[in-house]
Protein backbone atom coordinates (compact mmCIF):
# COMPACT_ATOMS: atom_id res chain seq x y z
CA UNK A 1 241.09 98.61 105.31
CA UNK A 2 242.29 96.41 102.45
CA UNK A 3 239.82 93.59 103.18
CA UNK A 4 236.78 95.76 102.37
CA UNK A 5 235.92 96.51 98.75
CA UNK A 6 232.88 98.19 97.24
CA UNK A 7 231.34 99.15 93.91
CA UNK A 8 230.05 102.72 93.69
CA UNK A 9 227.16 103.41 91.31
CA UNK A 10 224.68 106.21 90.66
CA UNK A 11 220.93 106.40 90.18
CA UNK A 12 218.44 109.25 89.82
CA UNK A 13 216.15 110.47 92.57
CA UNK A 14 212.56 111.57 91.99
CA UNK A 15 213.64 115.10 91.07
CA UNK A 16 216.51 114.00 88.83
CA UNK A 17 219.27 114.41 91.43
CA UNK A 18 222.07 111.86 91.14
CA UNK A 19 222.26 109.63 94.20
CA UNK A 20 225.49 107.71 94.84
CA UNK A 21 225.20 104.21 96.29
CA UNK A 22 227.64 101.40 97.03
CA UNK A 23 227.46 97.61 97.09
CA UNK A 24 229.83 95.32 98.98
CA UNK A 25 229.93 91.71 100.13
CA UNK A 26 227.65 88.89 98.96
CA UNK A 27 224.54 87.12 100.19
CA UNK A 28 221.09 88.43 101.15
CA UNK A 29 220.66 92.18 100.85
CA UNK A 30 221.08 94.48 103.85
CA UNK A 31 220.20 98.07 102.94
CA UNK A 32 221.70 100.54 105.40
CA UNK A 33 220.21 104.02 105.74
CA UNK A 34 223.31 105.31 107.46
CA UNK A 35 223.56 108.43 109.62
CA UNK A 36 223.75 111.39 107.23
CA UNK A 37 227.26 112.35 108.38
CA UNK A 38 229.15 109.91 106.20
CA UNK A 39 230.81 109.68 102.79
CA UNK A 40 230.89 106.49 100.69
CA UNK A 41 234.60 106.84 99.92
CA UNK A 42 235.94 108.54 103.04
CA UNK A 43 234.16 106.14 105.44
CA UNK A 44 236.63 103.42 104.52
CA UNK A 45 239.44 105.19 106.38
CA UNK A 46 237.42 106.98 109.04
CA UNK A 47 237.62 105.37 112.53
CA UNK A 48 233.99 106.24 113.23
CA UNK A 49 232.71 104.06 110.35
CA UNK A 50 235.39 101.66 109.17
CA UNK A 51 234.58 99.10 111.86
CA UNK A 52 230.96 99.02 110.73
CA UNK A 53 231.60 98.18 107.09
CA UNK A 54 233.09 94.67 107.23
CA UNK A 55 230.75 93.82 110.11
CA UNK A 56 227.60 94.61 108.13
CA UNK A 57 228.92 93.15 104.87
CA UNK A 58 229.79 89.77 106.40
CA UNK A 59 227.67 87.04 104.71
CA UNK A 60 225.46 89.78 103.24
CA UNK A 61 225.35 92.22 100.32
CA UNK A 62 225.57 95.61 102.01
CA UNK A 63 223.92 98.49 100.17
CA UNK A 64 224.34 102.06 101.41
CA UNK A 65 224.05 105.50 99.84
CA UNK A 66 225.04 109.12 100.25
CA UNK A 67 222.06 111.29 101.12
CA UNK A 68 221.01 113.98 98.67
CA UNK A 69 223.26 116.97 99.13
CA UNK A 70 225.93 114.84 100.82
CA UNK A 71 229.04 112.88 99.91
CA UNK A 72 229.17 111.84 96.25
CA UNK A 73 225.49 112.59 95.63
CA UNK A 74 224.40 115.79 93.88
CA UNK A 75 224.00 118.97 95.89
CA UNK A 76 220.20 119.26 95.99
CA UNK A 77 218.13 122.41 96.03
CA UNK A 78 215.24 120.62 97.72
CA UNK A 79 215.25 118.47 100.85
CA UNK A 80 212.13 116.83 102.28
CA UNK A 81 211.21 113.59 103.98
CA UNK A 82 209.28 112.44 100.90
CA UNK A 83 212.30 113.10 98.66
CA UNK A 84 214.61 111.26 101.04
CA UNK A 85 212.29 108.24 101.09
CA UNK A 86 212.05 108.44 97.28
CA UNK A 87 215.87 108.38 97.10
CA UNK A 88 215.85 105.13 99.09
CA UNK A 89 213.23 103.74 96.71
CA UNK A 90 215.43 104.70 93.75
CA UNK A 91 218.51 103.00 95.24
CA UNK A 92 216.65 99.76 95.98
CA UNK A 93 215.15 99.73 92.47
CA UNK A 94 218.49 100.51 90.78
CA UNK A 95 220.24 97.74 92.72
CA UNK A 96 217.57 95.27 91.55
CA UNK A 97 216.59 94.29 95.09
CA UNK A 98 213.44 92.20 95.43
CA UNK A 99 213.60 91.78 99.22
CA UNK A 100 216.00 92.98 101.89
CA UNK A 101 216.73 93.59 105.53
CA UNK A 102 216.52 97.33 106.15
CA UNK A 103 218.66 99.15 108.74
CA UNK A 104 217.76 102.73 109.66
CA UNK A 105 220.20 104.67 111.80
CA UNK A 106 219.53 107.71 114.03
CA UNK A 107 216.30 109.68 114.03
CA UNK A 108 216.21 110.57 110.35
CA UNK A 109 217.65 107.34 108.94
CA UNK A 110 215.30 105.31 111.10
CA UNK A 111 212.36 107.47 110.02
CA UNK A 112 213.20 106.99 106.35
CA UNK A 113 213.55 103.22 106.86
CA UNK A 114 210.26 102.97 108.80
CA UNK A 115 208.43 104.97 106.15
CA UNK A 116 209.78 102.77 103.37
CA UNK A 117 208.90 99.59 105.28
CA UNK A 118 205.34 100.80 105.89
CA UNK A 119 204.86 101.68 102.21
CA UNK A 120 206.58 98.60 100.77
CA UNK A 121 205.96 95.65 103.11
CA UNK A 122 206.51 93.24 100.21
CA UNK A 123 210.13 94.43 99.97
CA UNK A 124 211.27 94.31 103.60
CA UNK A 125 212.01 91.03 105.42
CA UNK A 126 212.95 92.74 108.68
CA UNK A 127 213.78 96.14 110.11
CA UNK A 128 216.69 97.24 112.32
CA UNK A 129 216.54 100.66 113.98
CA UNK A 130 219.21 102.35 116.07
CA UNK A 131 218.96 105.60 118.08
CA UNK A 132 215.49 106.14 116.59
CA UNK A 133 212.76 108.45 117.80
CA UNK A 134 209.01 108.88 117.53
CA UNK A 135 209.22 112.55 116.58
CA UNK A 136 211.75 115.29 116.02
CA UNK A 137 212.46 118.05 118.52
CA UNK A 138 210.33 120.58 116.57
CA UNK A 139 207.43 118.26 115.67
CA UNK A 140 203.96 118.96 117.00
CA UNK A 141 203.91 121.79 119.54
CA UNK A 142 207.46 122.03 120.96
CA UNK A 143 208.06 124.01 124.11
CA UNK A 144 210.21 127.11 124.17
CA UNK A 145 213.24 125.27 125.48
CA UNK A 146 213.29 122.89 122.49
CA UNK A 147 212.74 125.77 120.07
CA UNK A 148 215.58 127.78 121.61
CA UNK A 149 217.92 124.79 121.63
CA UNK A 150 217.18 123.97 117.98
CA UNK A 151 217.76 127.59 116.97
CA UNK A 152 221.09 127.61 118.82
CA UNK A 153 222.29 124.45 117.10
CA UNK A 154 221.34 125.77 113.67
CA UNK A 155 223.13 129.06 114.42
CA UNK A 156 226.28 127.16 115.40
CA UNK A 157 226.17 125.38 112.04
CA UNK A 158 225.62 128.63 110.14
CA UNK A 159 228.52 130.40 111.85
CA UNK A 160 230.92 127.61 112.56
CA UNK A 161 230.68 125.09 109.72
CA UNK A 162 233.84 126.30 108.01
CA UNK A 163 235.36 127.88 111.09
CA UNK A 164 238.62 126.45 112.43
CA UNK A 165 237.96 127.55 116.01
CA UNK A 166 238.28 124.44 118.24
CA UNK A 167 235.00 125.16 120.01
CA UNK A 168 233.11 124.75 116.73
CA UNK A 169 235.08 121.68 115.76
CA UNK A 170 234.28 120.01 119.06
CA UNK A 171 230.55 120.83 119.11
CA UNK A 172 229.23 117.89 117.07
CA UNK A 173 231.59 115.25 118.38
CA UNK A 174 230.76 116.26 121.96
CA UNK A 175 227.08 115.59 121.23
CA UNK A 176 227.34 112.54 118.98
CA UNK A 177 230.34 110.65 120.33
CA UNK A 178 231.15 111.99 123.81
CA UNK A 179 233.03 108.80 124.74
CA UNK A 180 235.26 108.90 121.65
CA UNK A 181 239.03 109.03 121.74
CA UNK A 182 240.66 112.31 120.62
CA UNK A 183 241.56 110.66 117.30
CA UNK A 184 237.99 109.49 116.70
CA UNK A 185 236.54 112.90 117.61
CA UNK A 186 238.99 114.68 115.32
CA UNK A 187 238.20 112.33 112.44
CA UNK A 188 234.47 112.87 112.93
CA UNK A 189 234.90 116.64 112.96
CA UNK A 190 236.75 116.47 109.64
CA UNK A 191 234.17 114.15 108.12
CA UNK A 192 231.16 116.28 109.00
CA UNK A 193 232.58 119.15 106.95
CA UNK A 194 233.64 116.84 104.13
CA UNK A 195 230.13 115.36 103.97
CA UNK A 196 228.22 118.49 102.96
CA UNK A 197 227.98 122.27 103.33
CA UNK A 198 226.40 124.20 106.18
CA UNK A 199 223.30 125.24 104.22
CA UNK A 200 222.47 121.64 103.33
CA UNK A 201 223.14 120.51 106.88
CA UNK A 202 220.61 123.07 108.12
CA UNK A 203 218.01 121.90 105.59
CA UNK A 204 218.48 118.28 106.60
CA UNK A 205 218.29 118.97 110.33
CA UNK A 206 215.15 121.08 110.01
CA UNK A 207 213.53 118.31 107.95
CA UNK A 208 214.40 115.69 110.59
CA UNK A 209 213.33 117.82 113.53
CA UNK A 210 209.88 118.56 112.11
CA UNK A 211 209.03 114.92 111.33
CA UNK A 212 206.60 112.77 113.35
CA UNK A 213 206.75 109.01 112.77
CA UNK A 214 204.11 107.83 115.25
CA UNK A 215 201.54 106.85 112.60
CA UNK A 216 204.22 105.35 110.37
CA UNK A 217 205.53 103.20 113.23
CA UNK A 218 202.10 101.68 113.85
CA UNK A 219 202.01 100.53 110.20
CA UNK A 220 205.31 98.63 110.26
CA UNK A 221 204.42 94.96 109.78
CA UNK A 222 207.80 93.20 109.58
CA UNK A 223 209.91 91.83 112.48
CA UNK A 224 211.71 94.79 114.06
CA UNK A 225 214.55 95.25 116.52
CA UNK A 226 215.40 98.62 118.08
CA UNK A 227 218.80 99.44 119.64
CA UNK A 228 219.29 102.53 121.80
CA UNK A 229 222.16 103.83 123.94
CA UNK A 230 221.10 104.50 127.52
CA UNK A 231 222.96 107.84 127.69
CA UNK A 232 222.41 109.17 124.18
CA UNK A 233 222.65 112.99 124.29
CA UNK A 234 221.04 113.51 120.88
CA UNK A 235 217.91 111.33 121.07
CA UNK A 236 216.79 110.43 124.61
CA UNK A 237 216.61 106.77 125.59
CA UNK A 238 212.90 107.11 126.33
CA UNK A 239 212.22 108.00 122.69
CA UNK A 240 213.50 104.59 121.66
CA UNK A 241 211.32 102.88 124.24
CA UNK A 242 208.26 104.82 123.11
CA UNK A 243 208.91 103.80 119.52
CA UNK A 244 209.19 100.13 120.53
CA UNK A 245 205.74 100.46 122.06
CA UNK A 246 204.28 101.67 118.76
CA UNK A 247 205.76 99.12 116.35
CA UNK A 248 203.87 95.81 116.73
CA UNK A 249 206.00 93.16 118.50
CA UNK A 250 209.21 95.18 118.22
CA UNK A 251 212.16 94.02 120.34
CA UNK A 252 213.95 96.75 122.29
CA UNK A 253 217.65 96.35 123.14
CA UNK A 254 219.39 98.87 125.44
CA UNK A 255 223.05 99.57 124.72
CA UNK A 256 225.43 100.46 127.55
CA UNK A 257 226.85 103.49 125.79
CA UNK A 258 226.95 107.29 125.86
CA UNK A 259 227.42 107.58 122.10
CA UNK A 260 224.77 108.46 119.55
CA UNK A 261 227.02 106.81 116.96
CA UNK A 262 228.19 103.50 118.37
CA UNK A 263 231.94 102.94 118.00
CA UNK A 264 233.53 99.54 117.42
CA UNK A 265 236.09 100.30 120.15
CA UNK A 266 233.59 100.56 123.01
CA UNK A 267 232.35 97.85 125.33
CA UNK A 268 228.81 97.83 123.93
CA UNK A 269 230.00 96.92 120.43
CA UNK A 270 230.45 93.10 120.77
CA UNK A 271 227.02 92.70 122.38
CA UNK A 272 225.46 94.85 119.67
CA UNK A 273 227.08 92.84 116.86
CA UNK A 274 226.11 89.51 118.40
CA UNK A 275 222.48 90.57 118.83
CA UNK A 276 222.31 92.11 115.34
CA UNK A 277 223.77 89.05 113.62
CA UNK A 278 221.49 86.71 115.55
CA UNK A 279 218.44 88.76 114.55
CA UNK A 280 219.46 88.82 110.88
CA UNK A 281 220.23 85.10 110.79
CA UNK A 282 216.82 84.33 112.25
CA UNK A 283 214.85 86.67 110.00
CA UNK A 284 216.75 86.09 106.75
CA UNK A 285 216.93 82.31 107.09
CA UNK A 286 213.74 81.06 105.53
CA UNK A 287 215.22 77.73 104.45
CA UNK A 288 217.83 77.25 101.76
CA UNK A 289 216.34 76.71 98.32
CA UNK A 290 217.64 74.43 95.56
CA UNK A 291 218.52 77.62 93.67
CA UNK A 292 220.90 78.66 96.46
CA UNK A 293 222.52 75.22 96.45
CA UNK A 294 222.91 75.53 92.68
CA UNK A 295 225.04 78.64 93.23
CA UNK A 296 227.69 76.50 94.96
CA UNK A 297 230.52 75.29 92.73
CA UNK A 298 231.10 71.55 92.34
CA UNK A 299 234.15 71.77 94.59
CA UNK A 300 232.15 73.66 97.25
CA UNK A 301 229.47 70.96 97.19
CA UNK A 302 232.13 68.31 97.73
CA UNK A 303 233.57 70.30 100.65
CA UNK A 304 230.07 70.73 102.11
CA UNK A 305 229.45 66.98 101.85
CA UNK A 306 232.68 66.31 103.72
CA UNK A 307 231.69 68.88 106.36
CA UNK A 308 228.48 66.89 106.84
CA UNK A 309 230.59 63.83 107.59
CA UNK A 310 232.46 65.78 110.26
CA UNK A 311 235.76 65.97 108.39
CA UNK A 312 238.20 68.65 109.67
CA UNK A 313 239.95 71.02 107.27
CA UNK A 314 243.18 69.01 107.26
CA UNK A 315 241.40 65.82 106.23
CA UNK A 316 239.45 67.65 103.51
CA UNK A 317 242.67 69.24 102.20
CA UNK A 318 244.47 65.87 102.06
CA UNK A 319 241.55 64.14 100.39
CA UNK A 320 241.15 66.81 97.70
CA UNK A 321 244.85 67.54 97.22
CA UNK A 322 244.52 71.22 98.14
CA UNK A 323 245.88 73.42 100.93
CA UNK A 324 244.06 74.02 104.22
CA UNK A 325 243.90 77.71 103.30
CA UNK A 326 241.98 76.81 100.14
CA UNK A 327 239.62 74.69 102.22
CA UNK A 328 239.01 77.64 104.54
CA UNK A 329 238.28 79.82 101.50
CA UNK A 330 235.74 77.27 100.23
CA UNK A 331 234.08 77.07 103.64
CA UNK A 332 233.88 80.87 103.81
CA UNK A 333 232.29 80.98 100.34
CA UNK A 334 229.76 78.32 101.39
CA UNK A 335 228.83 80.33 104.49
CA UNK A 336 228.35 83.47 102.39
CA UNK A 337 226.23 81.77 99.72
CA UNK A 338 223.97 80.03 102.23
CA UNK A 339 223.94 83.00 104.66
CA UNK A 340 225.06 80.98 107.68
CA UNK A 341 227.62 81.48 110.41
CA UNK A 342 228.71 77.93 111.26
CA UNK A 343 229.38 74.49 109.76
CA UNK A 344 226.39 73.01 111.54
CA UNK A 345 224.09 75.67 110.04
CA UNK A 346 225.52 75.08 106.54
CA UNK A 347 224.94 71.34 106.78
CA UNK A 348 221.41 71.80 108.14
CA UNK A 349 220.50 74.28 105.41
CA UNK A 350 221.82 71.94 102.68
CA UNK A 351 219.85 69.01 104.09
CA UNK A 352 216.69 71.13 104.25
CA UNK A 353 217.13 71.93 100.57
CA UNK A 354 217.36 68.23 99.73
CA UNK A 355 221.11 68.02 99.09
């Protein structure tokens, strides 16, 4: 994936643990609280995640981090929801982010993102949630079936985390990505063991499963969109709908998928990307400011002026004595700086800013 580059940095969590985070792309900030089964470095070559990275970093500065105890972050003795939210706070502070779009993925990632958004409304322009839930399987007063199922899953982790028996290797992929290809499932099985150890995985899961986000959801004040796969085996579809009913004015978008982790090779992916990008363009476009125009180079301003006149790339290239490829590069840089997806949007944003 040569087109995707990132800078990996470290900050300290509330208890002194080192948290690894990565920045890529340019433009308004999108902070991604990714599913915990990932690794900042290994994701770049993993078929489960590598399609996500350039998609989310397009025309935006993508910020993501390895959870405590996972990936490049320190192995942590303590895991709790408050510490996980504090880690997100530390990453956003270390990256110098004043405002951002916040994307929480799966039950835990979405819960962390919702909690942060409710505590720091001045920091969050909008919220994206995917495969989220109102409460974990052990929250409140779970019935015996949920208790038995949770115990069985934790036992499988304890016994099978480092076991090479195919049945153990297939357990997580069968739940999380049942519609995956054999190559995708195999890559996911490798990644889950490269992400962390079995003891930490158990701590994380127990933390997620005991959490209840109903009160937090009611306090979310920013524009919110919620995506959920209709046939998710990990978090039922109805949990996503219930959550949408708790967050004021949240938009709920069903995905025609069986996967808990959406894959860029499935039919639901293009519709998801289109809806996500449209939501972000709407919520992050508050009018281009003179400061944003000032970030354009002189040559980019000239190209933008010629775009406003309707000049095609070939005409711009001839007029400026440069190649059409260079023109395309300038246009791409203009789109990124102004956070737009088309020539018409770029021209409109420049006019709004008084150019």
